[in-house]
């Protein structure tokens, strides 16, 4: 059975998001060593991150990947209906 190319792209986006999240967490740990994944959801609680341009860039990159992944998944769900 042939795989749906859109599903393959969705899987790739999920992998990219995971990798980017790991990259973001490692960057954040350079400034806030005990930061958790939950803390990354509210980086404005940490001035070291709130005002850090590289952290904000990497965070925006992650959000972009997640937005595209969500949109693609919505399209795939729509096609199933």
Protein backbone atom coordinates (compact mmCIF):
# COMPACT_ATOMS: atom_id res chain seq x y z
CA UNK A 1 0.00 0.00 0.00
CA UNK A 2 1.40 3.36 -1.07
CA UNK A 3 1.86 5.99 1.64
CA UNK A 4 0.06 9.29 1.34
CA UNK A 5 2.72 11.94 0.58
CA UNK A 6 0.94 14.44 2.83
CA UNK A 7 1.13 12.00 5.72
CA UNK A 8 4.85 11.57 5.07
CA UNK A 9 5.26 15.35 5.14
CA UNK A 10 3.28 15.50 8.38
CA UNK A 11 5.59 12.90 9.92
CA UNK A 12 8.61 14.88 8.76
CA UNK A 13 7.21 18.09 10.26
CA UNK A 14 6.61 16.30 13.57
CA UNK A 15 10.24 15.16 13.56
CA UNK A 16 11.47 18.66 12.70
CA UNK A 17 9.38 20.13 15.53
CA UNK A 18 10.86 17.65 17.99
CA UNK A 19 14.39 18.47 16.87
CA UNK A 20 13.74 22.21 17.06
CA UNK A 21 12.20 21.88 20.52
CA UNK A 22 15.33 20.04 21.68
CA UNK A 23 17.50 22.77 20.18
CA UNK A 24 15.42 25.46 21.91
CA UNK A 25 15.58 23.68 25.28
CA UNK A 26 19.38 23.28 25.04
CA UNK A 27 19.75 26.96 24.19
CA UNK A 28 17.52 27.95 27.10
CA UNK A 29 19.49 25.73 29.48
CA UNK A 30 22.57 27.83 28.76
CA UNK A 31 20.81 30.73 30.50
CA UNK A 32 18.39 28.94 32.84
CA UNK A 33 20.01 25.59 33.69
CA UNK A 34 16.99 24.04 35.43
CA UNK A 35 14.38 25.08 32.85
CA UNK A 36 11.66 22.55 32.07
CA UNK A 37 9.62 21.96 28.94
CA UNK A 38 6.66 23.51 30.73
CA UNK A 39 8.74 26.61 31.52
CA UNK A 40 9.48 26.96 27.80
CA UNK A 41 5.79 27.62 27.28
CA UNK A 42 6.14 30.85 29.29
CA UNK A 43 9.67 32.10 28.62
CA UNK A 44 8.59 35.62 29.57
CA UNK A 45 8.92 34.45 33.20
CA UNK A 46 12.69 34.42 32.61
CA UNK A 47 14.24 37.79 31.72
CA UNK A 48 17.34 35.97 30.42
CA UNK A 49 15.13 34.42 27.71
CA UNK A 50 12.55 37.16 27.26
CA UNK A 51 15.17 39.57 25.96
CA UNK A 52 17.42 37.08 24.16
CA UNK A 53 17.18 37.54 20.37
CA UNK A 54 18.58 34.12 19.43
CA UNK A 55 16.21 32.35 21.81
CA UNK A 56 13.26 34.30 20.42
CA UNK A 57 14.33 33.51 16.85
CA UNK A 58 14.59 29.77 17.59
CA UNK A 59 11.26 29.90 19.42
CA UNK A 60 9.62 31.57 16.43
CA UNK A 61 11.10 28.95 14.13
CA UNK A 62 9.57 26.21 16.31
CA UNK A 63 6.19 27.93 16.29
CA UNK A 64 6.34 28.20 12.51
CA UNK A 65 6.99 24.48 12.12
CA UNK A 66 4.17 23.70 14.55
CA UNK A 67 1.75 25.99 12.67
CA UNK A 68 2.47 24.34 9.32
CA UNK A 69 2.14 20.90 10.92
CA UNK A 70 -1.23 21.84 12.44
CA UNK A 71 -2.50 23.22 9.14
CA UNK A 72 -1.43 20.10 7.26
CA UNK A 73 -3.07 17.84 9.84
CA UNK A 74 -6.29 19.85 9.55
CA UNK A 75 -6.17 19.35 5.79
CA UNK A 76 -5.60 15.62 6.19
CA UNK A 77 -8.52 15.36 8.66
CA UNK A 78 -10.74 17.32 6.30
CA UNK A 79 -9.94 14.92 3.46
CA UNK A 80 -10.83 11.92 5.64
CA UNK A 81 -14.34 13.27 6.26
